[in-house]
Amino acid sequence: METNIEINKPSPKFQDVSIAPMHTCEHIVNRTMMNLFGCGRSVSAHIERKKSKLDYALETAPTEEDVKRLEEAVNAVIAQGLDVTTEFITQEEAQGRFDLKRLPEDASETVRIVKVGNYDECLCLGTHVKNTSEVGTFKVISHDWNEEAKRWRMRFKLQ
């Protein structure tokens, strides 16, 4: 299996343009979770066209009020019509600015940064929409809490 991905092509896992709105929404949700709950980006993600799920490491379970606040905040960002752009920088330039732990050992020296306006930026090889106005409306359809693992799982869709 070839693991070296060309920097100017999306990851084979995310080449399906039908998931671009969902994948772009994942970026917005991740930044919003960081802003609202002080956590890191999702620890696990399963992104599909119709519905997706994200897992977050949190100290306590979000309340129904928190979930409503999350939905409102994500939809407010989407409604801004932010451009989604890419930038290429060296791994050295990315040090301290991004979490490089998920990069494969044989990753190229140049990495791809995806920016959602001035709201979020992260390392990514996925396919995205050009503007958040193409995403739709974010809706949490279910969520659960694992107390032992301190993990919150959220399932969502776009309308």
N, C-alpha and C. Protein backbone atom coordinates (compact mmCIF):
# COMPACT_ATOMS: atom_id res chain seq x y z
N MET A 1 0.84 -1.19 0.00
CA MET A 1 0.00 0.00 0.00
C MET A 1 0.88 1.24 0.00
N GLU A 2 0.60 2.15 -0.91
CA GLU A 2 1.38 3.38 -0.99
C GLU A 2 0.85 4.39 0.01
N THR A 3 1.76 4.94 0.84
CA THR A 3 1.32 5.89 1.85
C THR A 3 1.76 7.31 1.53
N ASN A 4 2.63 7.49 0.56
CA ASN A 4 3.10 8.83 0.23
C ASN A 4 2.08 9.51 -0.67
N ILE A 5 1.44 10.53 -0.19
CA ILE A 5 0.39 11.23 -0.92
C ILE A 5 0.96 12.49 -1.53
N GLU A 6 0.65 12.72 -2.80
CA GLU A 6 1.11 13.96 -3.43
C GLU A 6 0.43 15.14 -2.73
N ILE A 7 1.19 16.20 -2.53
CA ILE A 7 0.67 17.33 -1.76
C ILE A 7 -0.43 18.09 -2.47
N ASN A 8 -0.49 18.00 -3.79
CA ASN A 8 -1.50 18.78 -4.50
C ASN A 8 -2.75 17.98 -4.81
N LYS A 9 -2.88 16.79 -4.22
CA LYS A 9 -4.07 15.98 -4.42
C LYS A 9 -4.69 15.65 -3.06
N PRO A 10 -6.04 15.62 -3.00
CA PRO A 10 -6.66 15.25 -1.73
C PRO A 10 -6.38 13.79 -1.41
N SER A 11 -6.45 13.46 -0.14
CA SER A 11 -6.29 12.09 0.31
C SER A 11 -7.30 11.21 -0.42
N PRO A 12 -6.90 10.00 -0.85
CA PRO A 12 -7.86 9.10 -1.53
C PRO A 12 -9.13 8.89 -0.71
N LYS A 13 -9.00 8.87 0.61
CA LYS A 13 -10.15 8.69 1.48
C LYS A 13 -11.17 9.82 1.31
N PHE A 14 -10.70 11.01 0.98
CA PHE A 14 -11.59 12.17 0.91
C PHE A 14 -11.70 12.76 -0.50
N GLN A 15 -11.46 11.96 -1.55
CA GLN A 15 -11.56 12.48 -2.91
C GLN A 15 -13.00 12.62 -3.38
N ASP A 16 -13.92 11.95 -2.73
CA ASP A 16 -15.32 11.99 -3.12
C ASP A 16 -15.88 13.39 -2.85
N VAL A 17 -16.14 14.14 -3.93
CA VAL A 17 -16.62 15.52 -3.76
C VAL A 17 -17.98 15.60 -3.08
N SER A 18 -18.73 14.48 -3.06
CA SER A 18 -20.05 14.51 -2.41
C SER A 18 -19.94 14.70 -0.90
N ILE A 19 -18.76 14.43 -0.31
CA ILE A 19 -18.61 14.64 1.13
C ILE A 19 -17.96 15.98 1.45
N ALA A 20 -17.65 16.78 0.43
CA ALA A 20 -16.98 18.07 0.66
C ALA A 20 -17.75 18.97 1.63
N PRO A 21 -19.08 19.12 1.52
CA PRO A 21 -19.78 19.96 2.50
C PRO A 21 -19.64 19.42 3.92
N MET A 22 -19.76 18.11 4.09
CA MET A 22 -19.66 17.49 5.41
C MET A 22 -18.24 17.65 5.96
N HIS A 23 -17.25 17.45 5.10
CA HIS A 23 -15.87 17.55 5.56
C HIS A 23 -15.52 18.99 5.95
N THR A 24 -16.00 19.95 5.18
CA THR A 24 -15.78 21.35 5.53
C THR A 24 -16.47 21.68 6.85
N CYS A 25 -17.67 21.15 7.03
CA CYS A 25 -18.40 21.36 8.29
C CYS A 25 -17.62 20.78 9.46
N GLU A 26 -16.95 19.65 9.25
CA GLU A 26 -16.13 19.06 10.31
C GLU A 26 -15.09 20.06 10.80
N HIS A 27 -14.46 20.80 9.89
CA HIS A 27 -13.47 21.81 10.28
C HIS A 27 -14.12 22.87 11.17
N ILE A 28 -15.30 23.32 10.79
CA ILE A 28 -16.01 24.35 11.55
C ILE A 28 -16.41 23.82 12.92
N VAL A 29 -16.92 22.59 12.97
CA VAL A 29 -17.31 21.99 14.24
C VAL A 29 -16.09 21.85 15.16
N ASN A 30 -14.98 21.38 14.60
CA ASN A 30 -13.77 21.23 15.42
C ASN A 30 -13.36 22.55 16.06
N ARG A 31 -13.28 23.61 15.28
CA ARG A 31 -12.88 24.92 15.83
C ARG A 31 -13.90 25.39 16.85
N THR A 32 -15.17 25.18 16.58
CA THR A 32 -16.22 25.63 17.50
C THR A 32 -16.15 24.85 18.81
N MET A 33 -15.90 23.56 18.74
CA MET A 33 -15.73 22.76 19.96
C MET A 33 -14.54 23.27 20.77
N MET A 34 -13.45 23.58 20.09
CA MET A 34 -12.27 24.12 20.77
C MET A 34 -12.61 25.44 21.46
N ASN A 35 -13.35 26.30 20.75
CA ASN A 35 -13.71 27.61 21.30
C ASN A 35 -14.69 27.49 22.48
N LEU A 36 -15.69 26.64 22.35
CA LEU A 36 -16.73 26.54 23.39
C LEU A 36 -16.31 25.70 24.59
N PHE A 37 -15.56 24.63 24.34
CA PHE A 37 -15.27 23.67 25.41
C PHE A 37 -13.79 23.55 25.76
N GLY A 38 -12.93 24.27 25.06
CA GLY A 38 -11.50 24.24 25.37
C GLY A 38 -10.84 22.89 25.13
N CYS A 39 -11.44 22.08 24.27
CA CYS A 39 -10.88 20.76 23.97
C CYS A 39 -10.03 20.84 22.70
N GLY A 40 -9.46 19.71 22.32
CA GLY A 40 -8.74 19.63 21.07
C GLY A 40 -9.69 19.29 19.93
N ARG A 41 -9.14 19.15 18.75
CA ARG A 41 -9.93 18.71 17.60
C ARG A 41 -10.42 17.30 17.88
N SER A 42 -11.34 16.81 17.08
CA SER A 42 -11.91 15.48 17.31
C SER A 42 -10.82 14.41 17.38
N VAL A 43 -11.03 13.45 18.26
CA VAL A 43 -10.07 12.35 18.40
C VAL A 43 -10.39 11.23 17.42
N SER A 44 -11.58 11.25 16.87
CA SER A 44 -12.01 10.27 15.89
C SER A 44 -13.10 10.90 15.04
N ALA A 45 -13.07 10.59 13.74
CA ALA A 45 -14.08 11.15 12.84
C ALA A 45 -14.49 10.10 11.81
N HIS A 46 -15.76 10.08 11.51
CA HIS A 46 -16.28 9.24 10.43
C HIS A 46 -17.19 10.15 9.61
N ILE A 47 -16.68 10.59 8.47
CA ILE A 47 -17.38 11.58 7.64
C ILE A 47 -18.00 10.89 6.44
N GLU A 48 -19.30 11.04 6.29
CA GLU A 48 -20.05 10.47 5.18
C GLU A 48 -20.93 11.57 4.58
N ARG A 49 -21.53 11.27 3.44
CA ARG A 49 -22.35 12.26 2.74
C ARG A 49 -23.64 12.60 3.48
N LYS A 50 -24.34 11.58 4.01
CA LYS A 50 -25.65 11.81 4.63
C LYS A 50 -25.59 12.15 6.10
N LYS A 51 -24.74 11.46 6.85
CA LYS A 51 -24.56 11.78 8.27
C LYS A 51 -23.15 11.39 8.67
N SER A 52 -22.66 12.05 9.70
CA SER A 52 -21.28 11.85 10.13
C SER A 52 -21.22 11.81 11.65
N LYS A 53 -20.07 11.36 12.17
CA LYS A 53 -19.91 11.37 13.63
C LYS A 53 -18.51 11.82 13.98
N LEU A 54 -18.43 12.51 15.12
CA LEU A 54 -17.17 13.01 15.65
C LEU A 54 -17.11 12.67 17.13
N ASP A 55 -15.93 12.30 17.59
CA ASP A 55 -15.69 12.01 19.00
C ASP A 55 -14.74 13.05 19.57
N TYR A 56 -15.05 13.52 20.79
CA TYR A 56 -14.21 14.51 21.46
C TYR A 56 -13.85 14.04 22.87
N ALA A 57 -12.62 14.31 23.26
CA ALA A 57 -12.18 14.04 24.63
C ALA A 57 -12.55 15.25 25.47
N LEU A 58 -13.46 15.06 26.41
CA LEU A 58 -13.94 16.14 27.26
C LEU A 58 -13.93 15.68 28.72
N GLU A 59 -13.92 16.63 29.63
CA GLU A 59 -13.97 16.28 31.06
C GLU A 59 -15.37 15.93 31.51
N THR A 60 -16.37 16.61 30.95
CA THR A 60 -17.76 16.35 31.32
C THR A 60 -18.63 16.33 30.06
N ALA A 61 -19.76 15.68 30.17
CA ALA A 61 -20.69 15.59 29.05
C ALA A 61 -21.35 16.94 28.78
N PRO A 62 -21.44 17.35 27.53
CA PRO A 62 -22.18 18.57 27.21
C PRO A 62 -23.67 18.40 27.53
N THR A 63 -24.29 19.46 27.96
CA THR A 63 -25.73 19.44 28.25
C THR A 63 -26.50 19.68 26.96
N GLU A 64 -27.81 19.51 27.03
CA GLU A 64 -28.65 19.81 25.86
C GLU A 64 -28.51 21.28 25.48
N GLU A 65 -28.36 22.12 26.48
CA GLU A 65 -28.14 23.56 26.23
C GLU A 65 -26.81 23.78 25.49
N ASP A 66 -25.78 23.04 25.88
CA ASP A 66 -24.48 23.12 25.20
C ASP A 66 -24.60 22.69 23.74
N VAL A 67 -25.37 21.63 23.49
CA VAL A 67 -25.55 21.13 22.12
C VAL A 67 -26.26 22.18 21.28
N LYS A 68 -27.25 22.82 21.84
CA LYS A 68 -27.98 23.88 21.12
C LYS A 68 -27.04 25.05 20.83
N ARG A 69 -26.21 25.40 21.80
CA ARG A 69 -25.23 26.48 21.63
C ARG A 69 -24.23 26.13 20.52
N LEU A 70 -23.80 24.86 20.48
CA LEU A 70 -22.89 24.39 19.44
C LEU A 70 -23.54 24.52 18.07
N GLU A 71 -24.76 24.05 17.93
CA GLU A 71 -25.47 24.15 16.64
C GLU A 71 -25.58 25.61 16.19
N GLU A 72 -25.98 26.47 17.10
CA GLU A 72 -26.13 27.89 16.76
C GLU A 72 -24.80 28.51 16.33
N ALA A 73 -23.73 28.20 17.05
CA ALA A 73 -22.42 28.77 16.74
C ALA A 73 -21.91 28.27 15.39
N VAL A 74 -22.05 26.97 15.13
CA VAL A 74 -21.59 26.41 13.85
C VAL A 74 -22.38 27.02 12.70
N ASN A 75 -23.70 27.10 12.85
CA ASN A 75 -24.53 27.67 11.79
C ASN A 75 -24.25 29.15 11.57
N ALA A 76 -23.89 29.87 12.61
CA ALA A 76 -23.52 31.29 12.46
C ALA A 76 -22.25 31.42 11.62
N VAL A 77 -21.29 30.52 11.82
CA VAL A 77 -20.07 30.56 11.01
C VAL A 77 -20.38 30.21 9.56
N ILE A 78 -21.16 29.16 9.35
CA ILE A 78 -21.54 28.76 7.99
C ILE A 78 -22.21 29.92 7.27
N ALA A 79 -23.10 30.62 7.95
CA ALA A 79 -23.87 31.72 7.36
C ALA A 79 -23.01 32.91 6.94
N GLN A 80 -21.78 32.98 7.45
CA GLN A 80 -20.90 34.09 7.08
C GLN A 80 -20.40 34.01 5.64
N GLY A 81 -20.57 32.88 4.99
CA GLY A 81 -20.11 32.74 3.61
C GLY A 81 -18.60 32.89 3.51
N LEU A 82 -17.87 32.17 4.35
CA LEU A 82 -16.41 32.28 4.37
C LEU A 82 -15.79 31.47 3.24
N ASP A 83 -14.78 32.03 2.61
CA ASP A 83 -14.04 31.30 1.58
C ASP A 83 -13.20 30.21 2.23
N VAL A 84 -13.10 29.08 1.56
CA VAL A 84 -12.27 27.96 2.01
C VAL A 84 -11.08 27.89 1.05
N THR A 85 -9.89 28.07 1.59
CA THR A 85 -8.68 28.15 0.77
C THR A 85 -7.61 27.18 1.27
N THR A 86 -6.61 26.99 0.44
CA THR A 86 -5.48 26.14 0.83
C THR A 86 -4.18 26.93 0.72
N GLU A 87 -3.23 26.47 1.50
CA GLU A 87 -1.89 27.07 1.52
C GLU A 87 -0.91 25.92 1.71
N PHE A 88 0.25 26.02 1.12
CA PHE A 88 1.28 25.01 1.28
C PHE A 88 2.46 25.63 2.01
N ILE A 89 2.90 24.95 3.08
CA ILE A 89 4.04 25.42 3.86
C ILE A 89 4.93 24.22 4.18
N THR A 90 6.12 24.48 4.65
CA THR A 90 7.01 23.38 5.03
C THR A 90 6.62 22.87 6.41
N GLN A 91 7.03 21.64 6.70
CA GLN A 91 6.78 21.09 8.03
C GLN A 91 7.45 21.95 9.09
N GLU A 92 8.61 22.48 8.76
CA GLU A 92 9.31 23.35 9.72
C GLU A 92 8.47 24.59 10.05
N GLU A 93 7.85 25.19 9.02
CA GLU A 93 6.98 26.35 9.25
C GLU A 93 5.73 25.97 10.06
N ALA A 94 5.31 24.72 9.91
CA ALA A 94 4.11 24.24 10.60
C ALA A 94 4.36 23.92 12.07
N GLN A 95 5.62 23.69 12.45
CA GLN A 95 5.96 23.37 13.84
C GLN A 95 5.44 24.46 14.78
N GLY A 96 4.77 24.04 15.84
CA GLY A 96 4.26 24.99 16.82
C GLY A 96 2.96 25.65 16.42
N ARG A 97 2.63 25.58 15.15
CA ARG A 97 1.40 26.19 14.64
C ARG A 97 0.30 25.14 14.48
N PHE A 98 0.72 23.91 14.18
CA PHE A 98 -0.21 22.81 13.94
C PHE A 98 0.28 21.55 14.63
N ASP A 99 -0.65 20.64 14.92
CA ASP A 99 -0.32 19.34 15.49
C ASP A 99 0.17 18.44 14.36
N LEU A 100 1.43 18.10 14.39
CA LEU A 100 2.03 17.28 13.32
C LEU A 100 2.05 15.79 13.68
N LYS A 101 1.49 15.41 14.82
CA LYS A 101 1.55 14.01 15.28
C LYS A 101 0.86 13.04 14.33
N ARG A 102 -0.16 13.49 13.62
CA ARG A 102 -0.90 12.59 12.73
C ARG A 102 -0.26 12.43 11.36
N LEU A 103 0.80 13.17 11.08
CA LEU A 103 1.47 13.03 9.79
C LEU A 103 2.19 11.68 9.73
N PRO A 104 2.08 10.99 8.60
CA PRO A 104 2.85 9.75 8.47
C PRO A 104 4.34 10.05 8.45
N GLU A 105 5.14 9.07 8.84
CA GLU A 105 6.59 9.27 8.89
C GLU A 105 7.17 9.69 7.56
N ASP A 106 6.61 9.18 6.46
CA ASP A 106 7.15 9.50 5.14
C ASP A 106 6.41 10.66 4.46
N ALA A 107 5.74 11.49 5.25
CA ALA A 107 5.04 12.66 4.68
C ALA A 107 6.04 13.59 3.99
N SER A 108 5.58 14.26 2.96
CA SER A 108 6.45 15.18 2.24
C SER A 108 6.84 16.34 3.16
N GLU A 109 7.89 17.03 2.81
CA GLU A 109 8.35 18.17 3.59
C GLU A 109 7.34 19.32 3.52
N THR A 110 6.55 19.35 2.46
CA THR A 110 5.53 20.38 2.29
C THR A 110 4.19 19.83 2.75
N VAL A 111 3.47 20.61 3.55
CA VAL A 111 2.15 20.20 4.03
C VAL A 111 1.09 21.16 3.54
N ARG A 112 -0.14 20.67 3.49
CA ARG A 112 -1.27 21.46 2.99
C ARG A 112 -2.11 21.95 4.17
N ILE A 113 -2.36 23.23 4.18
CA ILE A 113 -3.19 23.87 5.20
C ILE A 113 -4.52 24.26 4.55
N VAL A 114 -5.61 23.90 5.19
CA VAL A 114 -6.93 24.32 4.72
C VAL A 114 -7.43 25.38 5.69
N LYS A 115 -7.87 26.51 5.12
CA LYS A 115 -8.37 27.63 5.93
C LYS A 115 -9.85 27.86 5.62
N VAL A 116 -10.62 28.03 6.69
CA VAL A 116 -12.03 28.40 6.55
C VAL A 116 -12.09 29.85 7.00
N GLY A 117 -11.99 30.76 6.02
CA GLY A 117 -11.91 32.19 6.34
C GLY A 117 -10.81 32.42 7.35
N ASN A 118 -11.06 33.29 8.31
CA ASN A 118 -10.14 33.50 9.42
C ASN A 118 -10.57 32.71 10.64
N TYR A 119 -11.55 31.80 10.45
CA TYR A 119 -12.11 31.06 11.57
C TYR A 119 -11.28 29.83 11.96
N ASP A 120 -10.85 29.07 10.97
CA ASP A 120 -10.13 27.84 11.28
C ASP A 120 -9.07 27.58 10.22
N GLU A 121 -8.00 26.94 10.67
CA GLU A 121 -6.98 26.45 9.75
C GLU A 121 -6.36 25.21 10.36
N CYS A 122 -6.11 24.22 9.51
CA CYS A 122 -5.48 22.98 10.00
C CYS A 122 -4.88 22.22 8.83
N LEU A 123 -4.03 21.27 9.18
CA LEU A 123 -3.46 20.38 8.17
C LEU A 123 -4.59 19.50 7.64
N CYS A 124 -4.66 19.34 6.32
CA CYS A 124 -5.74 18.53 5.77
C CYS A 124 -5.45 18.18 4.32
N LEU A 125 -5.82 16.96 3.93
CA LEU A 125 -5.70 16.53 2.54
C LEU A 125 -7.06 16.27 1.90
N GLY A 126 -8.12 16.67 2.58
CA GLY A 126 -9.47 16.38 2.09
C GLY A 126 -9.97 17.37 1.07
N THR A 127 -11.12 17.01 0.47
CA THR A 127 -11.82 17.85 -0.50
C THR A 127 -12.82 18.72 0.26
N HIS A 128 -12.91 19.99 -0.12
CA HIS A 128 -13.77 20.94 0.58
C HIS A 128 -14.58 21.76 -0.41
N VAL A 129 -15.62 22.41 0.10
CA VAL A 129 -16.37 23.37 -0.71
C VAL A 129 -15.52 24.62 -0.86
N LYS A 130 -15.89 25.49 -1.78
CA LYS A 130 -15.14 26.74 -1.98
C LYS A 130 -15.56 27.83 -0.99
N ASN A 131 -16.79 27.73 -0.49
CA ASN A 131 -17.33 28.74 0.40
C ASN A 131 -18.30 28.06 1.37
N THR A 132 -18.34 28.53 2.61
CA THR A 132 -19.21 27.89 3.61
C THR A 132 -20.69 28.00 3.24
N SER A 133 -21.05 28.91 2.34
CA SER A 133 -22.44 29.01 1.91
C SER A 133 -22.92 27.75 1.20
N GLU A 134 -21.98 26.87 0.80
CA GLU A 134 -22.31 25.61 0.13
C GLU A 134 -22.53 24.47 1.12
N VAL A 135 -22.35 24.70 2.41
CA VAL A 135 -22.41 23.62 3.40
C VAL A 135 -23.83 23.20 3.74
N GLY A 136 -24.73 24.13 3.95
CA GLY A 136 -26.08 23.80 4.41
C GLY A 136 -26.21 24.10 5.90
N THR A 137 -27.23 23.56 6.53
CA THR A 137 -27.49 23.80 7.94
C THR A 137 -27.04 22.59 8.76
N PHE A 138 -26.24 22.86 9.78
CA PHE A 138 -25.70 21.83 10.67
C PHE A 138 -26.73 21.47 11.73
N LYS A 139 -26.95 20.15 11.93
CA LYS A 139 -27.91 19.68 12.93
C LYS A 139 -27.34 18.44 13.63
N VAL A 140 -27.23 18.52 14.96
CA VAL A 140 -26.84 17.35 15.75
C VAL A 140 -28.07 16.44 15.82
N ILE A 141 -27.93 15.19 15.37
CA ILE A 141 -29.08 14.28 15.35
C ILE A 141 -29.09 13.34 16.56
N SER A 142 -27.92 13.12 17.17
CA SER A 142 -27.85 12.36 18.41
C SER A 142 -26.47 12.53 19.01
N HIS A 143 -26.37 12.20 20.29
CA HIS A 143 -25.06 12.27 20.96
C HIS A 143 -25.10 11.39 22.19
N ASP A 144 -23.93 10.91 22.59
CA ASP A 144 -23.86 10.11 23.80
C ASP A 144 -22.53 10.35 24.49
N TRP A 145 -22.49 9.95 25.75
CA TRP A 145 -21.34 10.20 26.62
C TRP A 145 -20.81 8.87 27.16
N ASN A 146 -19.51 8.68 27.09
CA ASN A 146 -18.86 7.53 27.69
C ASN A 146 -18.06 8.05 28.87
N GLU A 147 -18.59 7.85 30.07
CA GLU A 147 -17.97 8.39 31.30
C GLU A 147 -16.58 7.79 31.54
N GLU A 148 -16.46 6.50 31.33
CA GLU A 148 -15.17 5.85 31.57
C GLU A 148 -14.08 6.40 30.65
N ALA A 149 -14.40 6.57 29.38
CA ALA A 149 -13.42 7.07 28.40
C ALA A 149 -13.36 8.60 28.36
N LYS A 150 -14.33 9.26 29.02
CA LYS A 150 -14.45 10.73 28.95
C LYS A 150 -14.51 11.16 27.48
N ARG A 151 -15.41 10.48 26.74
CA ARG A 151 -15.55 10.73 25.32
C ARG A 151 -17.01 11.06 25.00
N TRP A 152 -17.16 12.16 24.25
CA TRP A 152 -18.49 12.57 23.78
C TRP A 152 -18.56 12.31 22.29
N ARG A 153 -19.54 11.53 21.87
CA ARG A 153 -19.76 11.24 20.45
C ARG A 153 -20.99 11.99 19.97
N MET A 154 -20.79 12.70 18.87
CA MET A 154 -21.87 13.46 18.26
C MET A 154 -22.10 12.95 16.84
N ARG A 155 -23.37 12.76 16.49
CA ARG A 155 -23.74 12.41 15.11
C ARG A 155 -24.49 13.60 14.55
N PHE A 156 -24.14 13.95 13.30
CA PHE A 156 -24.77 15.13 12.73
C PHE A 156 -25.07 14.94 11.25
N LYS A 157 -25.93 15.82 10.76
CA LYS A 157 -26.25 15.83 9.33
C LYS A 157 -26.31 17.27 8.87
N LEU A 158 -26.39 17.45 7.58
CA LEU A 158 -26.55 18.78 6.98
C LEU A 158 -27.88 18.80 6.25
N GLN A 159 -28.60 19.92 6.41
CA GLN A 159 -29.91 20.04 5.76
C GLN A 159 -29.85 21.10 4.69
